[in-house]
Amino acid sequence: MKNRYWIACSVIVLATVAFTLALYSKLPATIPTHWDAAGNVNGYGPRSFVFIETVLMLMLMVLWPALPSLSPKRFTVDSFDATYWHIGVIAVALLGYLQCVIVWGAYSPSMPINRALFGGLAMFLGLVGNVMGKVRRNFWIGIRTPWTLANERVWYSTHRLAAKTMLGGAVLSLAGMFAGLPLGLCLAVLLAGPILPAVYSLIFYKRLERSGHLEA
């Protein structure tokens, strides 16, 4: 699976760089680099700014394989190895998507940049949520609250819930965006996906504590 990770990430990086170079000479010397919630530009930078995401992708590609070796013995990623590498590819893909959106936004200023960025974030959380139920207790990914890290049962129950709420929130928020609902409302629905399980982890932990069924 690790080899597939390197291959997939390399393809994503090369495709992103190829797309960027194809349009780079057509971009203005100064391009938009930041937008407000309404999609209005409120920050500019040099054209070379578009390669920042490339640097971040490469850094993440190198860092992701190193993280498991830093894990405490009881919190390794071995029990969900395939899922760990899968999420790493999704994270690199998100950065590649962001770079392509920034490039296209500079090339075609009429593009609704806020909706494009929101769509990418929703897709990312939805894809991660789809495999969240397979993630076991670790220090790098997942709903890492004090209560999930303290108890295996709380972790498992919380992440089964997160798989449903994150995927459901992503689908509903995307549907709302395409239906023309305010992006603020769509964002609230999207963020509820990971927030609700985090709150649930506290409630469930305390319930187990009160009933005397709390185990490490």
N, C-alpha and C. Protein backbone atom coordinates (compact mmCIF):
# COMPACT_ATOMS: atom_id res chain seq x y z
N MET A 1 0.82 -1.21 0.00
CA MET A 1 0.00 0.00 0.00
C MET A 1 0.86 1.27 0.00
N LYS A 2 2.03 1.17 0.66
CA LYS A 2 2.91 2.33 0.71
C LYS A 2 3.41 2.70 -0.67
N ASN A 3 3.71 1.70 -1.49
CA ASN A 3 4.16 1.96 -2.86
C ASN A 3 3.05 2.64 -3.66
N ARG A 4 1.82 2.20 -3.46
CA ARG A 4 0.69 2.82 -4.14
C ARG A 4 0.53 4.28 -3.72
N TYR A 5 0.82 4.53 -2.44
CA TYR A 5 0.76 5.90 -1.93
C TYR A 5 1.73 6.80 -2.69
N TRP A 6 2.97 6.34 -2.83
CA TRP A 6 3.98 7.14 -3.53
C TRP A 6 3.61 7.35 -4.99
N ILE A 7 3.10 6.31 -5.62
CA ILE A 7 2.73 6.42 -7.03
C ILE A 7 1.57 7.40 -7.21
N ALA A 8 0.53 7.23 -6.39
CA ALA A 8 -0.65 8.09 -6.50
C ALA A 8 -0.30 9.55 -6.23
N CYS A 9 0.47 9.79 -5.17
CA CYS A 9 0.85 11.17 -4.83
C CYS A 9 1.73 11.78 -5.92
N SER A 10 2.63 10.99 -6.48
CA SER A 10 3.51 11.50 -7.54
C SER A 10 2.69 11.90 -8.77
N VAL A 11 1.70 11.08 -9.10
CA VAL A 11 0.84 11.40 -10.25
C VAL A 11 0.06 12.69 -9.99
N ILE A 12 -0.44 12.85 -8.77
CA ILE A 12 -1.20 14.06 -8.42
C ILE A 12 -0.31 15.30 -8.53
N VAL A 13 0.90 15.21 -7.98
CA VAL A 13 1.82 16.36 -8.03
C VAL A 13 2.19 16.70 -9.46
N LEU A 14 2.54 15.69 -10.26
CA LEU A 14 2.93 15.94 -11.64
C LEU A 14 1.77 16.52 -12.45
N ALA A 15 0.56 16.02 -12.24
CA ALA A 15 -0.60 16.54 -12.96
C ALA A 15 -0.88 17.98 -12.57
N THR A 16 -0.74 18.28 -11.28
CA THR A 16 -0.97 19.64 -10.80
C THR A 16 0.05 20.61 -11.38
N VAL A 17 1.31 20.21 -11.35
CA VAL A 17 2.38 21.07 -11.89
C VAL A 17 2.20 21.25 -13.40
N ALA A 18 1.81 20.19 -14.10
CA ALA A 18 1.60 20.29 -15.54
C ALA A 18 0.47 21.28 -15.85
N PHE A 19 -0.61 21.20 -15.11
CA PHE A 19 -1.74 22.12 -15.30
C PHE A 19 -1.29 23.56 -15.03
N THR A 20 -0.51 23.73 -13.96
CA THR A 20 -0.04 25.07 -13.60
C THR A 20 0.87 25.65 -14.67
N LEU A 21 1.82 24.85 -15.15
CA LEU A 21 2.76 25.33 -16.17
C LEU A 21 2.05 25.64 -17.49
N ALA A 22 0.99 24.90 -17.78
CA ALA A 22 0.26 25.14 -19.04
C ALA A 22 -0.38 26.52 -19.07
N LEU A 23 -0.72 27.04 -17.89
CA LEU A 23 -1.38 28.35 -17.83
C LEU A 23 -0.48 29.45 -17.27
N TYR A 24 0.68 29.08 -16.78
CA TYR A 24 1.51 30.03 -16.03
C TYR A 24 1.85 31.28 -16.85
N SER A 25 2.25 31.11 -18.08
CA SER A 25 2.64 32.27 -18.89
C SER A 25 1.46 33.17 -19.23
N LYS A 26 0.25 32.67 -19.07
CA LYS A 26 -0.95 33.44 -19.38
C LYS A 26 -1.51 34.17 -18.16
N LEU A 27 -0.91 33.93 -17.00
CA LEU A 27 -1.37 34.57 -15.77
C LEU A 27 -0.79 35.97 -15.66
N PRO A 28 -1.52 36.89 -15.03
CA PRO A 28 -0.96 38.24 -14.81
C PRO A 28 0.19 38.18 -13.81
N ALA A 29 1.02 39.19 -13.81
CA ALA A 29 2.19 39.22 -12.91
C ALA A 29 1.77 39.20 -11.45
N THR A 30 0.63 39.82 -11.15
CA THR A 30 0.07 39.83 -9.79
C THR A 30 -1.27 39.12 -9.83
N ILE A 31 -1.44 38.15 -8.96
CA ILE A 31 -2.65 37.34 -8.99
C ILE A 31 -3.37 37.38 -7.63
N PRO A 32 -4.67 37.08 -7.60
CA PRO A 32 -5.39 36.98 -6.31
C PRO A 32 -4.85 35.82 -5.49
N THR A 33 -4.67 36.06 -4.21
CA THR A 33 -4.16 35.01 -3.32
C THR A 33 -5.07 34.76 -2.12
N HIS A 34 -6.06 35.63 -1.95
CA HIS A 34 -6.96 35.46 -0.79
C HIS A 34 -8.31 36.07 -1.14
N TRP A 35 -9.36 35.40 -0.64
CA TRP A 35 -10.72 35.84 -0.90
C TRP A 35 -11.52 35.88 0.40
N ASP A 36 -12.53 36.77 0.46
CA ASP A 36 -13.40 36.79 1.63
C ASP A 36 -14.51 35.76 1.45
N ALA A 37 -15.42 35.70 2.43
CA ALA A 37 -16.47 34.69 2.39
C ALA A 37 -17.40 34.85 1.20
N ALA A 38 -17.50 36.06 0.68
CA ALA A 38 -18.37 36.32 -0.47
C ALA A 38 -17.67 36.05 -1.80
N GLY A 39 -16.39 35.69 -1.74
CA GLY A 39 -15.64 35.41 -2.96
C GLY A 39 -14.94 36.62 -3.55
N ASN A 40 -14.95 37.73 -2.81
CA ASN A 40 -14.27 38.93 -3.29
C ASN A 40 -12.79 38.88 -2.94
N VAL A 41 -11.94 39.28 -3.85
CA VAL A 41 -10.49 39.26 -3.63
C VAL A 41 -10.11 40.31 -2.58
N ASN A 42 -9.36 39.87 -1.57
CA ASN A 42 -8.87 40.83 -0.57
C ASN A 42 -7.38 40.64 -0.29
N GLY A 43 -6.68 39.99 -1.24
CA GLY A 43 -5.25 39.82 -1.11
C GLY A 43 -4.63 39.44 -2.44
N TYR A 44 -3.45 39.98 -2.73
CA TYR A 44 -2.76 39.71 -3.99
C TYR A 44 -1.32 39.31 -3.71
N GLY A 45 -0.72 38.65 -4.67
CA GLY A 45 0.67 38.25 -4.54
C GLY A 45 1.27 38.02 -5.91
N PRO A 46 2.58 37.75 -5.96
CA PRO A 46 3.23 37.50 -7.26
C PRO A 46 2.73 36.21 -7.89
N ARG A 47 2.89 36.10 -9.19
CA ARG A 47 2.43 34.93 -9.93
C ARG A 47 3.04 33.63 -9.40
N SER A 48 4.24 33.69 -8.92
CA SER A 48 4.92 32.49 -8.42
C SER A 48 4.24 31.90 -7.19
N PHE A 49 3.31 32.65 -6.61
CA PHE A 49 2.58 32.17 -5.43
C PHE A 49 1.88 30.84 -5.71
N VAL A 50 1.52 30.60 -6.96
CA VAL A 50 0.76 29.40 -7.28
C VAL A 50 1.52 28.12 -6.96
N PHE A 51 2.84 28.21 -6.81
CA PHE A 51 3.62 27.00 -6.54
C PHE A 51 3.77 26.71 -5.05
N ILE A 52 3.17 27.54 -4.20
CA ILE A 52 3.24 27.28 -2.76
C ILE A 52 2.59 25.94 -2.43
N GLU A 53 1.44 25.66 -3.06
CA GLU A 53 0.76 24.40 -2.80
C GLU A 53 1.61 23.21 -3.26
N THR A 54 2.39 23.41 -4.32
CA THR A 54 3.29 22.34 -4.77
C THR A 54 4.29 21.99 -3.68
N VAL A 55 4.86 23.03 -3.08
CA VAL A 55 5.82 22.82 -1.98
C VAL A 55 5.15 22.09 -0.82
N LEU A 56 3.92 22.51 -0.50
CA LEU A 56 3.19 21.88 0.60
C LEU A 56 2.87 20.42 0.29
N MET A 57 2.53 20.13 -0.97
CA MET A 57 2.27 18.75 -1.36
C MET A 57 3.51 17.88 -1.17
N LEU A 58 4.65 18.39 -1.61
CA LEU A 58 5.89 17.63 -1.47
C LEU A 58 6.27 17.42 -0.01
N MET A 59 6.07 18.45 0.80
CA MET A 59 6.35 18.33 2.23
C MET A 59 5.45 17.29 2.88
N LEU A 60 4.16 17.31 2.53
CA LEU A 60 3.22 16.35 3.10
C LEU A 60 3.56 14.93 2.64
N MET A 61 3.93 14.79 1.37
CA MET A 61 4.31 13.47 0.85
C MET A 61 5.44 12.85 1.65
N VAL A 62 6.41 13.66 2.03
CA VAL A 62 7.56 13.17 2.78
C VAL A 62 7.22 12.96 4.25
N LEU A 63 6.42 13.87 4.80
CA LEU A 63 6.10 13.79 6.23
C LEU A 63 5.17 12.63 6.55
N TRP A 64 4.20 12.37 5.68
CA TRP A 64 3.18 11.35 5.97
C TRP A 64 3.79 9.98 6.28
N PRO A 65 4.75 9.49 5.49
CA PRO A 65 5.35 8.19 5.81
C PRO A 65 6.18 8.20 7.09
N ALA A 66 6.62 9.38 7.51
CA ALA A 66 7.47 9.46 8.70
C ALA A 66 6.66 9.44 9.99
N LEU A 67 5.42 9.86 9.93
CA LEU A 67 4.61 9.98 11.15
C LEU A 67 4.43 8.67 11.91
N PRO A 68 4.15 7.54 11.22
CA PRO A 68 3.96 6.28 11.97
C PRO A 68 5.15 5.90 12.85
N SER A 69 6.35 6.20 12.40
CA SER A 69 7.54 5.84 13.19
C SER A 69 7.66 6.68 14.45
N LEU A 70 6.94 7.79 14.52
CA LEU A 70 6.98 8.65 15.70
C LEU A 70 5.89 8.33 16.70
N SER A 71 4.98 7.41 16.34
CA SER A 71 3.84 7.09 17.20
C SER A 71 4.27 6.30 18.42
N PRO A 72 3.65 6.56 19.59
CA PRO A 72 3.87 5.70 20.76
C PRO A 72 3.46 4.27 20.43
N LYS A 73 4.01 3.30 21.12
CA LYS A 73 3.81 1.89 20.79
C LYS A 73 2.33 1.50 20.78
N ARG A 74 1.55 2.01 21.69
CA ARG A 74 0.14 1.63 21.79
C ARG A 74 -0.73 2.35 20.78
N PHE A 75 -0.16 3.28 20.03
CA PHE A 75 -0.96 4.10 19.12
C PHE A 75 -0.41 4.06 17.69
N THR A 76 0.04 2.90 17.25
CA THR A 76 0.56 2.77 15.89
C THR A 76 -0.58 2.74 14.88
N VAL A 77 -0.22 2.89 13.61
CA VAL A 77 -1.23 2.88 12.55
C VAL A 77 -1.31 1.52 11.86
N ASP A 78 -0.61 0.52 12.42
CA ASP A 78 -0.55 -0.79 11.77
C ASP A 78 -1.92 -1.43 11.59
N SER A 79 -2.82 -1.20 12.53
CA SER A 79 -4.13 -1.85 12.49
C SER A 79 -5.05 -1.27 11.43
N PHE A 80 -4.69 -0.13 10.87
CA PHE A 80 -5.49 0.46 9.78
C PHE A 80 -4.56 1.03 8.72
N ASP A 81 -3.54 0.26 8.41
CA ASP A 81 -2.47 0.70 7.51
C ASP A 81 -3.00 1.20 6.16
N ALA A 82 -3.86 0.42 5.52
CA ALA A 82 -4.36 0.80 4.20
C ALA A 82 -5.14 2.11 4.26
N THR A 83 -5.93 2.28 5.32
CA THR A 83 -6.73 3.50 5.47
C THR A 83 -5.83 4.71 5.71
N TYR A 84 -4.76 4.52 6.47
CA TYR A 84 -3.83 5.62 6.74
C TYR A 84 -3.24 6.16 5.44
N TRP A 85 -2.77 5.26 4.57
CA TRP A 85 -2.17 5.70 3.31
C TRP A 85 -3.24 6.29 2.39
N HIS A 86 -4.42 5.75 2.44
CA HIS A 86 -5.53 6.27 1.63
C HIS A 86 -5.83 7.72 1.98
N ILE A 87 -5.88 8.02 3.26
CA ILE A 87 -6.16 9.39 3.70
C ILE A 87 -5.01 10.32 3.31
N GLY A 88 -3.78 9.81 3.33
CA GLY A 88 -2.64 10.61 2.91
C GLY A 88 -2.77 11.05 1.46
N VAL A 89 -3.21 10.14 0.61
CA VAL A 89 -3.41 10.48 -0.81
C VAL A 89 -4.51 11.53 -0.95
N ILE A 90 -5.58 11.39 -0.19
CA ILE A 90 -6.68 12.36 -0.24
C ILE A 90 -6.19 13.75 0.17
N ALA A 91 -5.34 13.81 1.20
CA ALA A 91 -4.82 15.09 1.68
C ALA A 91 -3.95 15.76 0.61
N VAL A 92 -3.10 14.98 -0.05
CA VAL A 92 -2.26 15.52 -1.12
C VAL A 92 -3.15 15.99 -2.27
N ALA A 93 -4.18 15.22 -2.58
CA ALA A 93 -5.10 15.59 -3.66
C ALA A 93 -5.81 16.91 -3.36
N LEU A 94 -6.16 17.13 -2.09
CA LEU A 94 -6.80 18.40 -1.72
C LEU A 94 -5.88 19.57 -2.02
N LEU A 95 -4.61 19.45 -1.66
CA LEU A 95 -3.66 20.53 -1.94
C LEU A 95 -3.50 20.75 -3.44
N GLY A 96 -3.48 19.66 -4.19
CA GLY A 96 -3.39 19.80 -5.64
C GLY A 96 -4.62 20.50 -6.21
N TYR A 97 -5.77 20.15 -5.68
CA TYR A 97 -7.01 20.79 -6.13
C TYR A 97 -6.98 22.29 -5.82
N LEU A 98 -6.53 22.63 -4.62
CA LEU A 98 -6.47 24.05 -4.25
C LEU A 98 -5.55 24.82 -5.19
N GLN A 99 -4.42 24.23 -5.55
CA GLN A 99 -3.51 24.90 -6.47
C GLN A 99 -4.18 25.12 -7.83
N CYS A 100 -4.87 24.10 -8.32
CA CYS A 100 -5.54 24.24 -9.62
C CYS A 100 -6.63 25.30 -9.58
N VAL A 101 -7.35 25.39 -8.47
CA VAL A 101 -8.40 26.40 -8.33
C VAL A 101 -7.79 27.80 -8.32
N ILE A 102 -6.69 27.97 -7.61
CA ILE A 102 -6.02 29.27 -7.55
C ILE A 102 -5.52 29.67 -8.94
N VAL A 103 -4.93 28.72 -9.65
CA VAL A 103 -4.44 29.00 -11.00
C VAL A 103 -5.58 29.39 -11.92
N TRP A 104 -6.64 28.61 -11.91
CA TRP A 104 -7.76 28.88 -12.80
C TRP A 104 -8.46 30.18 -12.39
N GLY A 105 -8.51 30.47 -11.10
CA GLY A 105 -9.12 31.72 -10.64
C GLY A 105 -8.33 32.93 -11.13
N ALA A 106 -7.01 32.79 -11.20
CA ALA A 106 -6.17 33.88 -11.72
C ALA A 106 -6.32 34.01 -13.23
N TYR A 107 -6.50 32.87 -13.89
CA TYR A 107 -6.64 32.87 -15.35
C TYR A 107 -8.04 33.32 -15.78
N SER A 108 -9.04 32.92 -15.01
CA SER A 108 -10.43 33.27 -15.34
C SER A 108 -11.10 33.89 -14.12
N PRO A 109 -10.94 35.20 -13.93
CA PRO A 109 -11.43 35.88 -12.72
C PRO A 109 -12.94 35.75 -12.49
N SER A 110 -13.68 35.37 -13.51
CA SER A 110 -15.13 35.25 -13.35
C SER A 110 -15.55 33.97 -12.63
N MET A 111 -14.61 33.07 -12.40
CA MET A 111 -14.94 31.82 -11.72
C MET A 111 -15.39 32.09 -10.29
N PRO A 112 -16.48 31.45 -9.83
CA PRO A 112 -16.93 31.62 -8.44
C PRO A 112 -15.97 30.89 -7.48
N ILE A 113 -14.90 31.56 -7.12
CA ILE A 113 -13.81 30.94 -6.38
C ILE A 113 -14.26 30.38 -5.03
N ASN A 114 -15.18 31.10 -4.35
CA ASN A 114 -15.61 30.65 -3.03
C ASN A 114 -16.33 29.31 -3.11
N ARG A 115 -17.13 29.13 -4.16
CA ARG A 115 -17.84 27.86 -4.32
C ARG A 115 -16.89 26.74 -4.74
N ALA A 116 -15.91 27.06 -5.55
CA ALA A 116 -14.93 26.06 -5.95
C ALA A 116 -14.11 25.58 -4.75
N LEU A 117 -13.69 26.51 -3.91
CA LEU A 117 -12.92 26.14 -2.71
C LEU A 117 -13.77 25.35 -1.73
N PHE A 118 -15.02 25.79 -1.56
CA PHE A 118 -15.92 25.09 -0.65
C PHE A 118 -16.18 23.67 -1.14
N GLY A 119 -16.38 23.54 -2.45
CA GLY A 119 -16.61 22.21 -3.01
C GLY A 119 -15.46 21.27 -2.77
N GLY A 120 -14.23 21.77 -2.89
CA GLY A 120 -13.06 20.94 -2.62
C GLY A 120 -12.98 20.50 -1.17
N LEU A 121 -13.27 21.43 -0.26
CA LEU A 121 -13.25 21.10 1.16
C LEU A 121 -14.32 20.07 1.50
N ALA A 122 -15.51 20.24 0.92
CA ALA A 122 -16.59 19.29 1.18
C ALA A 122 -16.24 17.90 0.65
N MET A 123 -15.65 17.85 -0.53
CA MET A 123 -15.25 16.56 -1.08
C MET A 123 -14.19 15.90 -0.20
N PHE A 124 -13.25 16.70 0.30
CA PHE A 124 -12.20 16.17 1.16
C PHE A 124 -12.78 15.55 2.42
N LEU A 125 -13.66 16.29 3.12
CA LEU A 125 -14.24 15.78 4.35
C LEU A 125 -15.14 14.58 4.08
N GLY A 126 -15.83 14.59 2.94
CA GLY A 126 -16.67 13.47 2.61
C GLY A 126 -15.87 12.20 2.34
N LEU A 127 -14.78 12.32 1.60
CA LEU A 127 -13.93 11.17 1.30
C LEU A 127 -13.24 10.63 2.55
N VAL A 128 -12.79 11.53 3.41
CA VAL A 128 -12.18 11.09 4.67
C VAL A 128 -13.24 10.46 5.56
N GLY A 129 -14.41 11.08 5.62
CA GLY A 129 -15.49 10.54 6.43
C GLY A 129 -15.89 9.14 5.99
N ASN A 130 -15.80 8.88 4.71
CA ASN A 130 -16.19 7.58 4.17
C ASN A 130 -15.38 6.43 4.74
N VAL A 131 -14.14 6.70 5.18
CA VAL A 131 -13.29 5.65 5.74
C VAL A 131 -13.01 5.87 7.23
N MET A 132 -13.67 6.85 7.83
CA MET A 132 -13.38 7.19 9.21
C MET A 132 -13.66 6.04 10.18
N GLY A 133 -14.65 5.22 9.86
CA GLY A 133 -14.97 4.10 10.74
C GLY A 133 -13.87 3.05 10.82
N LYS A 134 -12.91 3.09 9.88
CA LYS A 134 -11.81 2.13 9.87
C LYS A 134 -10.58 2.63 10.63
N VAL A 135 -10.60 3.88 11.03
CA VAL A 135 -9.44 4.47 11.71
C VAL A 135 -9.42 4.04 13.17
N ARG A 136 -8.30 3.53 13.61
CA ARG A 136 -8.14 3.11 15.00
C ARG A 136 -7.35 4.16 15.79
N ARG A 137 -7.30 3.97 17.09
CA ARG A 137 -6.74 4.98 17.97
C ARG A 137 -5.30 5.32 17.61
N ASN A 138 -5.05 6.61 17.33
CA ASN A 138 -3.72 7.07 16.96
C ASN A 138 -3.62 8.57 17.25
N PHE A 139 -2.45 9.13 17.05
CA PHE A 139 -2.23 10.54 17.38
C PHE A 139 -2.22 11.46 16.16
N TRP A 140 -2.53 10.94 14.97
CA TRP A 140 -2.35 11.75 13.77
C TRP A 140 -3.64 12.09 13.05
N ILE A 141 -4.55 11.16 12.95
CA ILE A 141 -5.78 11.42 12.20
C ILE A 141 -6.99 10.92 12.99
N GLY A 142 -8.14 11.51 12.68
CA GLY A 142 -9.37 11.10 13.35
C GLY A 142 -9.90 12.16 14.28
N ILE A 143 -10.94 11.80 15.05
CA ILE A 143 -11.53 12.70 16.05
C ILE A 143 -10.73 12.52 17.33
N ARG A 144 -9.65 13.25 17.45
CA ARG A 144 -8.70 13.05 18.54
C ARG A 144 -9.02 14.00 19.70
N THR A 145 -10.02 13.61 20.48
CA THR A 145 -10.35 14.37 21.69
C THR A 145 -9.71 13.66 22.89
N PRO A 146 -9.66 14.31 24.05
CA PRO A 146 -9.11 13.63 25.23
C PRO A 146 -9.85 12.34 25.55
N TRP A 147 -11.14 12.29 25.23
CA TRP A 147 -11.97 11.15 25.60
C TRP A 147 -11.82 9.98 24.63
N THR A 148 -11.62 10.26 23.35
CA THR A 148 -11.39 9.17 22.40
C THR A 148 -9.99 8.58 22.59
N LEU A 149 -9.01 9.43 22.88
CA LEU A 149 -7.65 8.95 23.08
C LEU A 149 -7.52 8.16 24.38
N ALA A 150 -8.39 8.45 25.34
CA ALA A 150 -8.30 7.80 26.64
C ALA A 150 -8.96 6.43 26.67
N ASN A 151 -9.87 6.18 25.74
CA ASN A 151 -10.65 4.95 25.82
C ASN A 151 -10.93 4.38 24.43
N GLU A 152 -10.60 3.11 24.24
CA GLU A 152 -10.78 2.46 22.94
C GLU A 152 -12.25 2.38 22.54
N ARG A 153 -13.12 2.10 23.49
CA ARG A 153 -14.55 1.98 23.18
C ARG A 153 -15.13 3.32 22.73
N VAL A 154 -14.71 4.38 23.38
CA VAL A 154 -15.17 5.71 23.00
C VAL A 154 -14.65 6.07 21.62
N TRP A 155 -13.38 5.74 21.35
CA TRP A 155 -12.81 6.01 20.03
C TRP A 155 -13.62 5.30 18.95
N TYR A 156 -13.87 4.01 19.14
CA TYR A 156 -14.55 3.21 18.13
C TYR A 156 -15.97 3.74 17.87
N SER A 157 -16.70 3.99 18.93
CA SER A 157 -18.08 4.47 18.79
C SER A 157 -18.13 5.86 18.15
N THR A 158 -17.20 6.71 18.54
CA THR A 158 -17.16 8.07 18.00
C THR A 158 -16.86 8.06 16.50
N HIS A 159 -15.94 7.21 16.08
CA HIS A 159 -15.55 7.20 14.67
C HIS A 159 -16.58 6.49 13.78
N ARG A 160 -17.34 5.59 14.35
CA ARG A 160 -18.46 5.03 13.59
C ARG A 160 -19.50 6.12 13.33
N LEU A 161 -19.72 6.96 14.33
CA LEU A 161 -20.63 8.07 14.15
C LEU A 161 -20.06 9.09 13.16
N ALA A 162 -18.76 9.38 13.28
CA ALA A 162 -18.12 10.37 12.40
C ALA A 162 -18.19 9.95 10.95
N ALA A 163 -18.11 8.65 10.68
CA ALA A 163 -18.21 8.18 9.30
C ALA A 163 -19.54 8.59 8.69
N LYS A 164 -20.60 8.56 9.49
CA LYS A 164 -21.92 8.92 8.99
C LYS A 164 -22.11 10.43 8.91
N THR A 165 -21.69 11.14 9.95
CA THR A 165 -21.95 12.58 9.98
C THR A 165 -21.06 13.34 9.00
N MET A 166 -19.81 12.92 8.85
CA MET A 166 -18.91 13.61 7.92
C MET A 166 -19.32 13.40 6.48
N LEU A 167 -19.63 12.16 6.13
CA LEU A 167 -20.08 11.88 4.77
C LEU A 167 -21.44 12.53 4.50
N GLY A 168 -22.35 12.40 5.47
CA GLY A 168 -23.66 13.00 5.31
C GLY A 168 -23.59 14.52 5.23
N GLY A 169 -22.75 15.12 6.07
CA GLY A 169 -22.60 16.57 6.04
C GLY A 169 -22.03 17.05 4.73
N ALA A 170 -21.08 16.30 4.17
CA ALA A 170 -20.49 16.68 2.89
C ALA A 170 -21.52 16.60 1.77
N VAL A 171 -22.30 15.54 1.74
CA VAL A 171 -23.32 15.38 0.70
C VAL A 171 -24.38 16.46 0.80
N LEU A 172 -24.86 16.71 2.03
CA LEU A 172 -25.91 17.72 2.21
C LEU A 172 -25.40 19.12 1.89
N SER A 173 -24.17 19.43 2.29
CA SER A 173 -23.64 20.77 2.04
C SER A 173 -23.40 21.00 0.55
N LEU A 174 -22.93 19.97 -0.15
CA LEU A 174 -22.74 20.10 -1.60
C LEU A 174 -24.08 20.26 -2.31
N ALA A 175 -25.07 19.49 -1.85
CA ALA A 175 -26.40 19.61 -2.44
C ALA A 175 -26.95 21.02 -2.21
N GLY A 176 -26.73 21.54 -1.00
CA GLY A 176 -27.18 22.89 -0.70
C GLY A 176 -26.48 23.94 -1.54
N MET A 177 -25.19 23.75 -1.77
CA MET A 177 -24.44 24.70 -2.59
C MET A 177 -24.97 24.72 -4.02
N PHE A 178 -25.19 23.54 -4.59
CA PHE A 178 -25.70 23.47 -5.96
C PHE A 178 -27.14 23.96 -6.05
N ALA A 179 -27.86 23.89 -4.94
CA ALA A 179 -29.24 24.39 -4.92
C ALA A 179 -29.30 25.90 -4.74
N GLY A 180 -28.13 26.52 -4.50
CA GLY A 180 -28.08 27.97 -4.37
C GLY A 180 -28.28 28.49 -2.97
N LEU A 181 -28.18 27.60 -1.97
CA LEU A 181 -28.31 28.05 -0.59
C LEU A 181 -27.09 28.87 -0.18
N PRO A 182 -27.23 29.74 0.82
CA PRO A 182 -26.07 30.55 1.27
C PRO A 182 -24.90 29.65 1.68
N LEU A 183 -23.69 30.05 1.27
CA LEU A 183 -22.52 29.23 1.59
C LEU A 183 -22.28 29.14 3.09
N GLY A 184 -22.68 30.18 3.83
CA GLY A 184 -22.51 30.14 5.27
C GLY A 184 -23.30 29.00 5.89
N LEU A 185 -24.52 28.80 5.40
CA LEU A 185 -25.36 27.70 5.88
C LEU A 185 -24.76 26.37 5.48
N CYS A 186 -24.29 26.28 4.25
CA CYS A 186 -23.66 25.04 3.77
C CYS A 186 -22.41 24.71 4.59
N LEU A 187 -21.64 25.73 4.93
CA LEU A 187 -20.43 25.52 5.72
C LEU A 187 -20.78 25.02 7.12
N ALA A 188 -21.85 25.57 7.69
CA ALA A 188 -22.28 25.12 9.02
C ALA A 188 -22.66 23.65 9.00
N VAL A 189 -23.35 23.24 7.95
CA VAL A 189 -23.73 21.82 7.82
C VAL A 189 -22.48 20.96 7.66
N LEU A 190 -21.54 21.43 6.86
CA LEU A 190 -20.31 20.67 6.63
C LEU A 190 -19.50 20.50 7.91
N LEU A 191 -19.34 21.58 8.67
CA LEU A 191 -18.53 21.54 9.89
C LEU A 191 -19.20 20.75 11.00
N ALA A 192 -20.52 20.63 10.91
CA ALA A 192 -21.22 19.82 11.92
C ALA A 192 -20.79 18.36 11.84
N GLY A 193 -20.33 17.94 10.65
CA GLY A 193 -19.90 16.55 10.47
C GLY A 193 -18.84 16.12 11.46
N PRO A 194 -17.71 16.84 11.59
CA PRO A 194 -16.70 16.45 12.58
C PRO A 194 -16.97 16.97 13.98
N ILE A 195 -17.74 18.04 14.12
CA ILE A 195 -17.97 18.63 15.44
C ILE A 195 -18.91 17.76 16.28
N LEU A 196 -19.97 17.25 15.68
CA LEU A 196 -20.93 16.44 16.44
C LEU A 196 -20.29 15.20 17.06
N PRO A 197 -19.45 14.46 16.33
CA PRO A 197 -18.79 13.31 16.98
C PRO A 197 -17.86 13.72 18.12
N ALA A 198 -17.22 14.89 17.99
CA ALA A 198 -16.34 15.35 19.06
C ALA A 198 -17.14 15.60 20.35
N VAL A 199 -18.30 16.21 20.20
CA VAL A 199 -19.17 16.44 21.36
C VAL A 199 -19.68 15.10 21.90
N TYR A 200 -20.03 14.22 20.99
CA TYR A 200 -20.53 12.90 21.40
C TYR A 200 -19.48 12.14 22.21
N SER A 201 -18.21 12.28 21.86
CA SER A 201 -17.16 11.55 22.58
C SER A 201 -17.12 11.90 24.05
N LEU A 202 -17.35 13.17 24.37
CA LEU A 202 -17.40 13.59 25.77
C LEU A 202 -18.62 12.99 26.47
N ILE A 203 -19.77 13.08 25.81
CA ILE A 203 -21.01 12.58 26.40
C ILE A 203 -20.92 11.07 26.65
N PHE A 204 -20.42 10.35 25.66
CA PHE A 204 -20.34 8.89 25.79
C PHE A 204 -19.32 8.49 26.85
N TYR A 205 -18.20 9.20 26.91
CA TYR A 205 -17.18 8.90 27.92
C TYR A 205 -17.75 9.07 29.33
N LYS A 206 -18.43 10.19 29.55
CA LYS A 206 -19.00 10.45 30.86
C LYS A 206 -20.09 9.44 31.21
N ARG A 207 -20.84 8.99 30.19
CA ARG A 207 -21.86 7.98 30.44
C ARG A 207 -21.23 6.68 30.90
N LEU A 208 -20.15 6.26 30.25
CA LEU A 208 -19.44 5.06 30.66
C LEU A 208 -18.82 5.22 32.04
N GLU A 209 -18.32 6.43 32.32
CA GLU A 209 -17.70 6.69 33.62
C GLU A 209 -18.72 6.56 34.75
N ARG A 210 -19.89 7.11 34.53
CA ARG A 210 -20.94 7.07 35.56
C ARG A 210 -21.46 5.65 35.77
N SER A 211 -21.49 4.85 34.71
CA SER A 211 -22.03 3.49 34.82
C SER A 211 -20.99 2.48 35.30
N GLY A 212 -19.73 2.93 35.41
CA GLY A 212 -18.67 2.05 35.87
C GLY A 212 -18.14 1.10 34.81
N HIS A 213 -18.43 1.38 33.55
CA HIS A 213 -17.99 0.52 32.47
C HIS A 213 -16.81 1.11 31.70
N LEU A 214 -16.13 2.08 32.29
CA LEU A 214 -15.03 2.73 31.60
C LEU A 214 -13.77 1.88 31.73
N GLU A 215 -13.21 1.53 30.56
CA GLU A 215 -11.97 0.76 30.53
C GLU A 215 -10.98 1.48 29.64
N ALA A 216 -9.70 1.26 29.85
CA ALA A 216 -8.65 1.93 29.05
C ALA A 216 -8.69 1.42 27.63
